[in-house]
C-alpha atoms as a PDB file:
ATOM      1  CA  MET A   1     -32.333 -14.024  19.851  1.00  0.00           C
ATOM      2  CA  PHE A   2     -31.463 -12.239  16.581  1.00  0.00           C
ATOM      3  CA  LYS A   3     -29.040  -9.944  18.436  1.00  0.00           C
ATOM      4  CA  LYS A   4     -27.438 -12.853  20.241  1.00  0.00           C
ATOM      5  CA  ILE A   5     -26.688 -14.562  16.950  1.00  0.00           C
ATOM      6  CA  LEU A   6     -25.870 -11.573  14.727  1.00  0.00           C
ATOM      7  CA  LEU A   7     -23.546  -9.498  16.899  1.00  0.00           C
ATOM      8  CA  PRO A   8     -21.040 -12.239  17.809  1.00  0.00           C
ATOM      9  CA  SER A   9     -20.963 -13.314  14.165  1.00  0.00           C
ATOM     10  CA  LEU A  10     -20.188  -9.802  12.972  1.00  0.00           C
ATOM     11  CA  LEU A  11     -17.487  -9.352  15.609  1.00  0.00           C
ATOM     12  CA  LEU A  12     -15.885 -12.626  14.624  1.00  0.00           C
ATOM     13  CA  ALA A  13     -15.897 -11.584  10.956  1.00  0.00           C
ATOM     14  CA  SER A  14     -14.363  -8.206  11.744  1.00  0.00           C
ATOM     15  CA  SER A  15     -11.613  -9.793  13.827  1.00  0.00           C
ATOM     16  CA  LEU A  16     -10.581 -11.879  10.826  1.00  0.00           C
ATOM     17  CA  VAL A  17      -9.923  -8.685   8.892  1.00  0.00           C
ATOM     18  CA  PHE A  18      -7.250  -7.660  11.413  1.00  0.00           C
ATOM     19  CA  ALA A  19      -5.277 -10.884  11.156  1.00  0.00           C
ATOM     20  CA  GLN A  20      -2.142 -11.069   9.064  1.00  0.00           C
ATOM     21  CA  TYR A  21      -3.743 -13.554   6.710  1.00  0.00           C
ATOM     22  CA  THR A  22      -7.208 -12.671   5.431  1.00  0.00           C
ATOM     23  CA  GLU A  23      -9.765 -14.764   3.600  1.00  0.00           C
ATOM     24  CA  VAL A  24      -9.734 -12.249   0.745  1.00  0.00           C
ATOM     25  CA  ILE A  25      -6.775 -10.572  -0.945  1.00  0.00           C
ATOM     26  CA  ASN A  26      -5.203  -7.683   0.998  1.00  0.00           C
ATOM     27  CA  SER A  27      -3.621  -5.415  -1.610  1.00  0.00           C
ATOM     28  CA  ASN A  28      -1.616  -2.208  -1.175  1.00  0.00           C
ATOM     29  CA  ARG A  29      -3.267  -0.872  -4.326  1.00  0.00           C
ATOM     30  CA  PRO A  30      -4.675   1.419  -5.616  1.00  0.00           C
ATOM     31  CA  GLY A  31      -2.538   3.886  -3.622  1.00  0.00           C
ATOM     32  CA  VAL A  32       1.229   3.805  -3.196  1.00  0.00           C
ATOM     33  CA  SER A  33       1.283   3.451   0.593  1.00  0.00           C
ATOM     34  CA  LYS A  34       2.231   0.136   2.207  1.00  0.00           C
ATOM     35  CA  SER A  35       0.007  -1.618   4.724  1.00  0.00           C
ATOM     36  CA  ALA A  36       1.470  -2.450   8.125  1.00  0.00           C
ATOM     37  CA  PHE A  37       0.268  -6.039   7.700  1.00  0.00           C
ATOM     38  CA  SER A  38       1.809  -8.791   5.606  1.00  0.00           C
ATOM     39  CA  VAL A  39       0.030 -11.055   3.130  1.00  0.00           C
ATOM     40  CA  GLY A  40       0.344 -14.080   5.440  1.00  0.00           C
ATOM     41  CA  THR A  41       2.637 -17.084   5.400  1.00  0.00           C
ATOM     42  CA  ASN A  42       2.899 -19.053   2.162  1.00  0.00           C
ATOM     43  CA  VAL A  43       0.974 -16.449   0.205  1.00  0.00           C
ATOM     44  CA  ALA A  44       2.498 -15.091  -3.016  1.00  0.00           C
ATOM     45  CA  GLN A  45       0.876 -11.880  -4.204  1.00  0.00           C
ATOM     46  CA  PHE A  46       1.415  -9.847  -7.367  1.00  0.00           C
ATOM     47  CA  GLU A  47       0.297  -6.252  -7.874  1.00  0.00           C
ATOM     48  CA  VAL A  48       0.749  -4.251 -11.080  1.00  0.00           C
ATOM     49  CA  GLY A  49      -0.572  -0.930 -12.337  1.00  0.00           C
ATOM     50  CA  PRO A  50      -0.057   0.307 -15.912  1.00  0.00           C
ATOM     51  CA  TYR A  51      -0.390   4.083 -16.151  1.00  0.00           C
ATOM     52  CA  MET A  52      -0.265   7.063 -18.523  1.00  0.00           C
ATOM     53  CA  ILE A  53       1.634  10.185 -17.447  1.00  0.00           C
ATOM     54  CA  LYS A  54       1.741  13.821 -18.579  1.00  0.00           C
ATOM     55  CA  GLU A  55       4.102  16.446 -17.151  1.00  0.00           C
ATOM     56  CA  GLU A  56       4.618  20.102 -18.082  1.00  0.00           C
ATOM     57  CA  HIS A  57       7.370  22.274 -16.570  1.00  0.00           C
ATOM     58  CA  THR A  58       6.434  25.918 -17.180  1.00  0.00           C
ATOM     59  CA  PRO A  59       9.664  27.699 -16.052  1.00  0.00           C
ATOM     60  CA  LEU A  60      11.953  25.256 -17.905  1.00  0.00           C
ATOM     61  CA  ASN A  61       9.507  24.910 -20.816  1.00  0.00           C
ATOM     62  CA  TYR A  62       9.563  21.155 -21.313  1.00  0.00           C
ATOM     63  CA  GLU A  63       6.952  18.404 -21.576  1.00  0.00           C
ATOM     64  CA  VAL A  64       6.957  14.709 -20.762  1.00  0.00           C
ATOM     65  CA  SER A  65       4.345  12.246 -21.998  1.00  0.00           C
ATOM     66  CA  GLY A  66       4.414   8.484 -21.880  1.00  0.00           C
ATOM     67  CA  PHE A  67       3.387   5.368 -20.041  1.00  0.00           C
ATOM     68  CA  GLY A  68       4.740   2.980 -17.455  1.00  0.00           C
ATOM     69  CA  ALA A  69       3.853   0.447 -14.797  1.00  0.00           C
ATOM     70  CA  ASP A  70       4.408   0.115 -11.094  1.00  0.00           C
ATOM     71  CA  PHE A  71       4.696  -3.439  -9.801  1.00  0.00           C
ATOM     72  CA  SER A  72       5.147  -5.415  -6.609  1.00  0.00           C
ATOM     73  CA  ALA A  73       5.694  -9.070  -5.705  1.00  0.00           C
ATOM     74  CA  ARG A  74       5.031  -9.973  -2.055  1.00  0.00           C
ATOM     75  CA  TYR A  75       5.565 -13.219  -0.155  1.00  0.00           C
ATOM     76  CA  GLY A  76       4.861 -14.167   3.459  1.00  0.00           C
ATOM     77  CA  LEU A  77       7.730 -16.213   4.869  1.00  0.00           C
ATOM     78  CA  LEU A  78       8.259 -18.099   8.173  1.00  0.00           C
ATOM     79  CA  PHE A  79       6.210 -15.780  10.393  1.00  0.00           C
ATOM     80  CA  GLU A  80       2.808 -14.165   9.983  1.00  0.00           C
ATOM     81  CA  GLN A  81       4.454 -10.811  10.674  1.00  0.00           C
ATOM     82  CA  LEU A  82       7.181 -11.124   8.012  1.00  0.00           C
ATOM     83  CA  GLU A  83       6.880 -10.233   4.340  1.00  0.00           C
ATOM     84  CA  LEU A  84       9.518 -10.217   1.600  1.00  0.00           C
ATOM     85  CA  ASN A  85       8.881  -7.986  -1.406  1.00  0.00           C
ATOM     86  CA  ILE A  86      10.219  -6.713  -4.696  1.00  0.00           C
ATOM     87  CA  GLU A  87       8.801  -3.468  -6.031  1.00  0.00           C
ATOM     88  CA  GLY A  88       9.522  -0.901  -8.672  1.00  0.00           C
ATOM     89  CA  ILE A  89       8.347   1.536 -11.339  1.00  0.00           C
ATOM     90  CA  TYR A  90       9.263   1.294 -15.025  1.00  0.00           C
ATOM     91  CA  GLN A  91       8.551   4.215 -17.364  1.00  0.00           C
ATOM     92  CA  ASN A  92       8.852   4.858 -21.090  1.00  0.00           C
ATOM     93  CA  ASP A  93       8.262   8.424 -22.245  1.00  0.00           C
ATOM     94  CA  THR A  94       9.130  11.212 -24.665  1.00  0.00           C
ATOM     95  CA  PHE A  95      10.924  14.296 -23.344  1.00  0.00           C
ATOM     96  CA  LYS A  96      10.131  17.411 -25.425  1.00  0.00           C
ATOM     97  CA  ASP A  97      12.356  20.464 -24.964  1.00  0.00           C
ATOM     98  CA  ASN A  98      10.622  23.691 -26.065  1.00  0.00           C
ATOM     99  CA  ARG A  99      13.249  26.210 -24.914  1.00  0.00           C
ATOM    100  CA  SER A 100      14.635  26.948 -28.379  1.00  0.00           C
ATOM    101  CA  ALA A 101      12.980  27.872 -31.674  1.00  0.00           C
ATOM    102  CA  ILE A 102      13.367  24.273 -32.792  1.00  0.00           C
ATOM    103  CA  THR A 103      11.706  21.766 -30.505  1.00  0.00           C
ATOM    104  CA  SER A 104      13.851  18.760 -29.684  1.00  0.00           C
ATOM    105  CA  GLU A 105      12.581  15.377 -28.550  1.00  0.00           C
ATOM    106  CA  ARG A 106      14.231  12.335 -27.068  1.00  0.00           C
ATOM    107  CA  SER A 107      12.901   8.991 -25.908  1.00  0.00           C
ATOM    108  CA  ARG A 108      13.604   7.762 -22.390  1.00  0.00           C
ATOM    109  CA  ALA A 109      13.060   4.383 -20.741  1.00  0.00           C
ATOM    110  CA  ASN A 110      14.278   2.937 -17.451  1.00  0.00           C
ATOM    111  CA  PHE A 111      13.297   2.012 -13.915  1.00  0.00           C
ATOM    112  CA  LYS A 112      12.368   5.063 -11.869  1.00  0.00           C
ATOM    113  CA  SER A 113      12.810   2.828  -8.841  1.00  0.00           C
ATOM    114  CA  PHE A 114      13.602  -0.818  -8.108  1.00  0.00           C
ATOM    115  CA  ALA A 115      13.946  -2.169  -4.567  1.00  0.00           C
ATOM    116  CA  VAL A 116      14.133  -5.474  -2.698  1.00  0.00           C
ATOM    117  CA  GLY A 117      13.311  -5.580   1.002  1.00  0.00           C
ATOM    118  CA  ALA A 118      11.497  -7.065   3.977  1.00  0.00           C
ATOM    119  CA  LYS A 119       8.703  -5.744   6.189  1.00  0.00           C
ATOM    120  CA  TYR A 120       8.000  -6.901   9.745  1.00  0.00           C
ATOM    121  CA  LEU A 121       5.006  -6.107  11.952  1.00  0.00           C
ATOM    122  CA  VAL A 122       6.422  -5.091  15.345  1.00  0.00           C
ATOM    123  CA  TYR A 123       3.150  -4.147  17.049  1.00  0.00           C
ATOM    124  CA  ASP A 124      -0.381  -5.383  16.423  1.00  0.00           C
ATOM    125  CA  PRO A 125      -3.113  -3.831  18.623  1.00  0.00           C
ATOM    126  CA  TYR A 126      -5.736  -6.059  16.983  1.00  0.00           C
ATOM    127  CA  LYS A 127      -4.233  -9.453  17.778  1.00  0.00           C
ATOM    128  CA  ASN A 128      -6.609 -10.061  20.703  1.00  0.00           C
ATOM    129  CA  GLU A 129      -9.622  -8.468  19.033  1.00  0.00           C
ATOM    130  CA  GLY A 130     -11.459 -11.760  18.651  1.00  0.00           C
ATOM    131  CA  GLN A 131     -11.069 -12.609  22.338  1.00  0.00           C
ATOM    132  CA  GLU A 132     -13.121  -9.663  23.566  1.00  0.00           C
ATOM    133  CA  LYS A 133     -16.647 -10.443  24.674  1.00  0.00           C
ATOM    134  CA  PRO A 134     -19.296  -8.637  22.607  1.00  0.00           C
ATOM    135  CA  ASN A 135     -21.941  -6.471  24.239  1.00  0.00           C
ATOM    136  CA  LEU A 136     -25.157  -8.260  23.298  1.00  0.00           C
ATOM    137  CA  TYR A 137     -27.353  -5.260  24.121  1.00  0.00           C
ATOM    138  CA  SER A 138     -25.539  -2.344  22.460  1.00  0.00           C
ATOM    139  CA  TYR A 139     -24.697  -1.982  18.782  1.00  0.00           C
ATOM    140  CA  HIS A 140     -22.826   1.254  19.523  1.00  0.00           C
ATOM    141  CA  ALA A 141     -20.641  -0.420  22.139  1.00  0.00           C
ATOM    142  CA  ASN A 142     -19.510  -2.984  19.594  1.00  0.00           C
ATOM    143  CA  PHE A 143     -19.204  -0.862  16.455  1.00  0.00           C
ATOM    144  CA  GLY A 144     -18.885   2.739  17.658  1.00  0.00           C
ATOM    145  CA  PHE A 145     -15.677   4.732  18.018  1.00  0.00           C
ATOM    146  CA  LYS A 146     -13.200   3.500  20.641  1.00  0.00           C
ATOM    147  CA  TRP A 147     -10.237   5.497  21.892  1.00  0.00           C
ATOM    148  CA  LYS A 148      -8.007   2.436  21.549  1.00  0.00           C
ATOM    149  CA  ASP A 149      -8.638   2.576  17.785  1.00  0.00           C
ATOM    150  CA  LEU A 150      -6.230   5.526  17.729  1.00  0.00           C
ATOM    151  CA  ILE A 151      -3.364   3.144  18.560  1.00  0.00           C
ATOM    152  CA  PRO A 152      -2.033   1.926  15.188  1.00  0.00           C
ATOM    153  CA  ALA A 153      -0.413  -1.276  14.058  1.00  0.00           C
ATOM    154  CA  ILE A 154       3.281  -0.567  13.380  1.00  0.00           C
ATOM    155  CA  ALA A 155       5.642  -2.229  10.909  1.00  0.00           C
ATOM    156  CA  VAL A 156       9.221  -1.523   9.899  1.00  0.00           C
ATOM    157  CA  TYR A 157      10.801  -2.024   6.490  1.00  0.00           C
ATOM    158  CA  ALA A 158      14.416  -2.289   5.369  1.00  0.00           C
ATOM    159  CA  GLY A 159      15.565  -2.772   1.811  1.00  0.00           C
ATOM    160  CA  ALA A 160      17.955  -1.802  -0.942  1.00  0.00           C
ATOM    161  CA  ASN A 161      17.434   0.207  -4.116  1.00  0.00           C
ATOM    162  CA  PHE A 162      19.246  -0.622  -7.316  1.00  0.00           C
ATOM    163  CA  ASP A 163      19.819   2.139  -9.886  1.00  0.00           C
ATOM    164  CA  THR A 164      21.518   1.704 -13.249  1.00  0.00           C
ATOM    165  CA  LYS A 165      24.154   4.058 -14.609  1.00  0.00           C
ATOM    166  CA  ASP A 166      22.980   7.139 -16.558  1.00  0.00           C
ATOM    167  CA  ASN A 167      19.370   6.683 -15.491  1.00  0.00           C
ATOM    168  CA  PRO A 168      17.342   9.667 -16.827  1.00  0.00           C
ATOM    169  CA  TYR A 169      14.998   9.502 -13.814  1.00  0.00           C
ATOM    170  CA  THR A 170      17.647   9.850 -11.099  1.00  0.00           C
ATOM    171  CA  ALA A 171      20.207  12.487 -10.148  1.00  0.00           C
ATOM    172  CA  PRO A 172      23.569  12.436 -11.973  1.00  0.00           C
ATOM    173  CA  GLY A 173      26.008   9.980 -10.446  1.00  0.00           C
ATOM    174  CA  ILE A 174      23.367   7.753  -8.834  1.00  0.00           C
ATOM    175  CA  GLU A 175      24.364   4.156  -9.501  1.00  0.00           C
ATOM    176  CA  GLY A 176      24.267   0.778  -7.766  1.00  0.00           C
ATOM    177  CA  PHE A 177      22.741  -0.118  -4.411  1.00  0.00           C
ATOM    178  CA  SER A 178      21.519   2.266  -1.716  1.00  0.00           C
ATOM    179  CA  PRO A 179      19.560   1.630   1.523  1.00  0.00           C
ATOM    180  CA  LYS A 180      15.856   2.298   1.990  1.00  0.00           C
ATOM    181  CA  VAL A 181      13.935   2.273   5.292  1.00  0.00           C
ATOM    182  CA  MET A 182      10.298   2.849   6.200  1.00  0.00           C
ATOM    183  CA  ILE A 183       7.907   2.955   9.133  1.00  0.00           C
ATOM    184  CA  ALA A 184       4.318   1.983   8.294  1.00  0.00           C
ATOM    185  CA  THR A 185       1.348   2.486  10.611  1.00  0.00           C
ATOM    186  CA  GLN A 186      -2.268   1.425  10.147  1.00  0.00           C
ATOM    187  CA  ASN A 187      -5.478   2.250  11.995  1.00  0.00           C
ATOM    188  CA  ASN A 188      -8.599   0.187  11.358  1.00  0.00           C
ATOM    189  CA  PHE A 189     -11.625   2.203  12.427  1.00  0.00           C
ATOM    190  CA  SER A 190     -15.211   1.048  12.679  1.00  0.00           C
ATOM    191  CA  GLY A 191     -17.458   1.591   9.698  1.00  0.00           C
ATOM    192  CA  GLY A 192     -14.948   0.372   7.125  1.00  0.00           C
ATOM    193  CA  TRP A 193     -12.417   3.221   7.481  1.00  0.00           C
ATOM    194  CA  VAL A 194      -8.666   2.511   7.333  1.00  0.00           C
ATOM    195  CA  LEU A 195      -5.866   5.063   7.766  1.00  0.00           C
ATOM    196  CA  VAL A 196      -2.317   4.210   6.624  1.00  0.00           C
ATOM    197  CA  LEU A 197       0.789   6.342   7.174  1.00  0.00           C
ATOM    198  CA  ASN A 198       4.240   5.705   5.649  1.00  0.00           C
ATOM    199  CA  LEU A 199       7.422   7.568   6.556  1.00  0.00           C
ATOM    200  CA  ILE A 200      10.195   6.710   4.092  1.00  0.00           C
ATOM    201  CA  LYS A 201      13.886   7.546   3.786  1.00  0.00           C
ATOM    202  CA  ASP A 202      15.049   6.540   0.328  1.00  0.00           C
ATOM    203  CA  ARG A 203      18.451   6.213  -1.411  1.00  0.00           C
ATOM    204  CA  ILE A 204      20.252   6.926   1.852  1.00  0.00           C
ATOM    205  CA  GLY A 205      23.772   8.305   1.495  1.00  0.00           C
ATOM    206  CA  THR A 206      23.405   9.389  -2.149  1.00  0.00           C
ATOM    207  CA  GLU A 207      22.936  12.730  -3.903  1.00  0.00           C
ATOM    208  CA  GLN A 208      19.247  11.860  -4.131  1.00  0.00           C
ATOM    209  CA  SER A 209      18.537  10.925  -0.540  1.00  0.00           C
ATOM    210  CA  ASP A 210      14.906  11.881  -0.284  1.00  0.00           C
ATOM    211  CA  PHE A 211      12.311  11.796   2.465  1.00  0.00           C
ATOM    212  CA  GLN A 212       8.745  10.813   1.667  1.00  0.00           C
ATOM    213  CA  TYR A 213       5.492  10.642   3.552  1.00  0.00           C
ATOM    214  CA  VAL A 214       2.310   8.967   2.308  1.00  0.00           C
ATOM    215  CA  VAL A 215      -1.079   9.266   4.015  1.00  0.00           C
ATOM    216  CA  THR A 216      -3.933   7.114   2.692  1.00  0.00           C
ATOM    217  CA  LEU A 217      -7.550   6.998   3.850  1.00  0.00           C
ATOM    218  CA  THR A 218      -9.786   4.237   2.485  1.00  0.00           C
ATOM    219  CA  HIS A 219     -13.441   3.478   3.004  1.00  0.00           C
ATOM    220  CA  SER A 220     -15.269   0.276   2.092  1.00  0.00           C
ATOM    221  CA  PHE A 221     -18.952   0.586   1.260  1.00  0.00           C
ATOM    222  CA  ASN A 222     -19.433  -3.191   1.168  1.00  0.00           C
ATOM    223  CA  PRO A 223     -17.237  -6.290   0.824  1.00  0.00           C
ATOM    224  CA  GLN A 224     -16.659  -5.547  -2.906  1.00  0.00           C
ATOM    225  CA  TRP A 225     -16.194  -1.774  -3.259  1.00  0.00           C
ATOM    226  CA  VAL A 226     -13.652   0.591  -1.690  1.00  0.00           C
ATOM    227  CA  VAL A 227     -12.678   4.212  -2.403  1.00  0.00           C
ATOM    228  CA  PHE A 228      -9.565   6.063  -1.283  1.00  0.00           C
ATOM    229  CA  GLY A 229      -7.852   9.442  -1.076  1.00  0.00           C
ATOM    230  CA  GLU A 230      -4.108   9.880  -0.679  1.00  0.00           C
ATOM    231  CA  THR A 231      -1.427  12.535  -0.369  1.00  0.00           C
ATOM    232  CA  GLN A 232       2.272  11.914  -0.995  1.00  0.00           C
ATOM    233  CA  GLY A 233       5.070  14.327  -0.184  1.00  0.00           C
ATOM    234  CA  ILE A 234       8.570  14.012  -1.673  1.00  0.00           C
ATOM    235  CA  GLN A 235      11.517  16.144  -0.597  1.00  0.00           C
ATOM    236  CA  SER A 236      15.118  15.987  -1.835  1.00  0.00           C
ATOM    237  CA  ASP A 237      17.671  18.229  -3.507  1.00  0.00           C
ATOM    238  CA  PHE A 238      16.888  16.522  -6.826  1.00  0.00           C
ATOM    239  CA  TYR A 239      13.084  16.523  -6.772  1.00  0.00           C
ATOM    240  CA  ALA A 240      10.275  17.776  -4.555  1.00  0.00           C
ATOM    241  CA  ASP A 241       6.542  17.401  -4.977  1.00  0.00           C
ATOM    242  CA  ASN A 242       3.167  17.009  -3.295  1.00  0.00           C
ATOM    243  CA  LEU A 243       0.980  14.513  -5.122  1.00  0.00           C
ATOM    244  CA  PHE A 244      -2.702  13.716  -4.625  1.00  0.00           C
ATOM    245  CA  ARG A 245      -4.532  10.528  -5.633  1.00  0.00           C
ATOM    246  CA  PHE A 246      -8.144   9.482  -5.696  1.00  0.00           C
ATOM    247  CA  GLY A 247      -9.703   6.265  -6.903  1.00  0.00           C
ATOM    248  CA  GLY A 248     -11.325   2.997  -6.020  1.00  0.00           C
ATOM    249  CA  ALA A 249     -11.054  -0.774  -6.161  1.00  0.00           C
ATOM    250  CA  TYR A 250     -13.382  -3.690  -6.800  1.00  0.00           C
ATOM    251  CA  LEU A 251     -12.947  -7.171  -5.331  1.00  0.00           C
ATOM    252  CA  TRP A 252     -13.613  -9.473  -8.290  1.00  0.00           C
ATOM    253  CA  SER A 253     -13.000 -12.655  -6.289  1.00  0.00           C
ATOM    254  CA  LYS A 254     -11.317 -13.518  -3.004  1.00  0.00           C
ATOM    255  CA  ASP A 255      -7.937 -13.675  -4.789  1.00  0.00           C
ATOM    256  CA  PHE A 256      -8.350 -10.999  -7.485  1.00  0.00           C
ATOM    257  CA  GLN A 257      -8.816  -7.225  -7.296  1.00  0.00           C
ATOM    258  CA  ILE A 258      -9.033  -4.510  -9.959  1.00  0.00           C
ATOM    259  CA  ASP A 259      -8.591  -0.783  -9.330  1.00  0.00           C
ATOM    260  CA  THR A 260      -8.139   2.643 -10.877  1.00  0.00           C
ATOM    261  CA  ALA A 261      -6.857   6.024  -9.723  1.00  0.00           C
ATOM    262  CA  VAL A 262      -5.868   9.499 -10.902  1.00  0.00           C
ATOM    263  CA  THR A 263      -2.736  11.352  -9.743  1.00  0.00           C
ATOM    264  CA  PHE A 264      -2.143  15.102  -9.900  1.00  0.00           C
ATOM    265  CA  ASN A 265      -0.394  17.988  -8.156  1.00  0.00           C
ATOM    266  CA  THR A 266      -0.960  21.727  -7.835  1.00  0.00           C
ATOM    267  CA  LYS A 267       2.317  23.222  -9.101  1.00  0.00           C
ATOM    268  CA  ASP A 268       3.946  23.789 -12.483  1.00  0.00           C
ATOM    269  CA  THR A 269       7.530  22.703 -11.751  1.00  0.00           C
ATOM    270  CA  PRO A 270       6.371  20.364 -13.234  1.00  0.00           C
ATOM    271  CA  SER A 271       2.627  19.844 -13.269  1.00  0.00           C
ATOM    272  CA  VAL A 272       1.736  16.147 -13.071  1.00  0.00           C
ATOM    273  CA  PHE A 273      -1.331  14.276 -14.249  1.00  0.00           C
ATOM    274  CA  GLY A 274      -1.586  10.492 -14.452  1.00  0.00           C
ATOM    275  CA  VAL A 275      -4.235   7.802 -14.817  1.00  0.00           C
ATOM    276  CA  ASN A 276      -3.672   4.180 -13.896  1.00  0.00           C
ATOM    277  CA  LEU A 277      -5.462   0.842 -13.912  1.00  0.00           C
ATOM    278  CA  GLY A 278      -4.347  -1.868 -11.533  1.00  0.00           C
ATOM    279  CA  LEU A 279      -4.590  -5.591 -10.912  1.00  0.00           C
ATOM    280  CA  SER A 280      -3.808  -7.585  -7.783  1.00  0.00           C
ATOM    281  CA  TYR A 281      -3.718 -11.380  -7.681  1.00  0.00           C
ATOM    282  CA  ARG A 282      -2.564 -13.871  -5.069  1.00  0.00           C
ATOM    283  CA  LEU A 283      -1.578 -17.513  -4.962  1.00  0.00           C
ATOM    284  CA  ASP A 284      -2.886 -18.719  -1.634  1.00  0.00           C
ATOM    285  CA  PHE A 285      -1.047 -21.657  -0.057  1.00  0.00           C
ATOM    286  CA  HIS A 286      -1.669 -20.504   3.506  1.00  0.00           C
ATOM    287  CA  GLN A 287      -2.435 -23.076   6.182  1.00  0.00           C
ATOM    288  CA  ASP A 288      -3.580 -22.169   9.669  1.00  0.00           C
ATOM    289  CA  LYS A 289      -1.436 -23.398  12.521  1.00  0.00           C
ATOM    290  CA  GLU A 290      -2.788 -26.280  14.562  1.00  0.00           C
ATOM    291  CA  ILE A 291      -4.697 -25.144  17.612  1.00  0.00           C
ATOM    292  CA  ASP A 292      -4.186 -26.698  21.037  1.00  0.00           C
ATOM    293  CA  ASN A 293      -6.755 -28.685  23.004  1.00  0.00           C
ATOM    294  CA  LYS A 294      -8.223 -25.782  24.926  1.00  0.00           C
ATOM    295  CA  ASN A 295      -8.815 -23.981  21.641  1.00  0.00           C
ATOM    296  CA  SER A 296     -10.198 -26.983  19.803  1.00  0.00           C
ATOM    297  CA  VAL A 297     -13.077 -26.520  17.423  1.00  0.00           C
ATOM    298  CA  GLU A 298     -15.458 -28.143  19.883  1.00  0.00           C
ATOM    299  CA  ASP A 299     -14.432 -25.811  22.717  1.00  0.00           C
ATOM    300  CA  VAL A 300     -14.648 -22.744  20.500  1.00  0.00           C
ATOM    301  CA  ASP A 301     -18.184 -23.735  19.475  1.00  0.00           C
ATOM    302  CA  LYS A 302     -19.129 -24.220  23.135  1.00  0.00           C
ATOM    303  CA  ARG A 303     -17.869 -20.773  24.079  1.00  0.00           C
ATOM    304  CA  ARG A 304     -19.697 -19.210  21.130  1.00  0.00           C
ATOM    305  CA  ASN A 305     -22.953 -20.938  22.092  1.00  0.00           C
END
């Protein structure tokens, strides 16, 4: 009797996690990758992460130290699959040039990136997850590895960057609007493991048209705590790097999350080390669509029983 009650309940709870809208906040933080899923219709979500940064370029003999914040505002509009977002990174630092006998310093401040765009989920392998009948006699059959878990959810993103003139964080001559596109995939494995992959083409058609990939693996120990590891590759004529991040997040309430992470690389052109703290908060005005007669509450209860 315990199995008959527990297993269907757990399967129902896990299926809710794969929906566009979730009962608890679904943040992209603490990594920089973007989930394939949206926040859900009529949900406004805000994510911000103040950070401290230290860079040292050994061959060119300069140092950068300062602080900044990455931010994102997300809103689910019209369809469960659609999300509009504004995101960017603002940094304020001191650039120290040690190449001559007299060290020179100058202060810098601007947006390293600022983009407006929309993301749409084009394929969701989990949409019928809740309709599958649970195996009442096998825990492994319900929660073990399944080959179909290798098929990811897929979303596409299109947006536009905006860069100001004489920005110290971009290549010379970069100014105004430029396109940005992305493909985001997400695999939700049993045991609380989630794998996210982003393939990004940024500032298309400019002197700083870079390609990026981000791979993030997260693991939740319980409904409150999650840890993650991430690698980010950046390649362009202006800047190239391979960054690594590790950290975790804590679900304070169903609408509020806090997180922290460290960022570093393994080269000296320049070396990078950063520490950030993050907050995610949502305003939840989501309402479920009305269900038809055959899916009425009474009928659902009958099928469950």
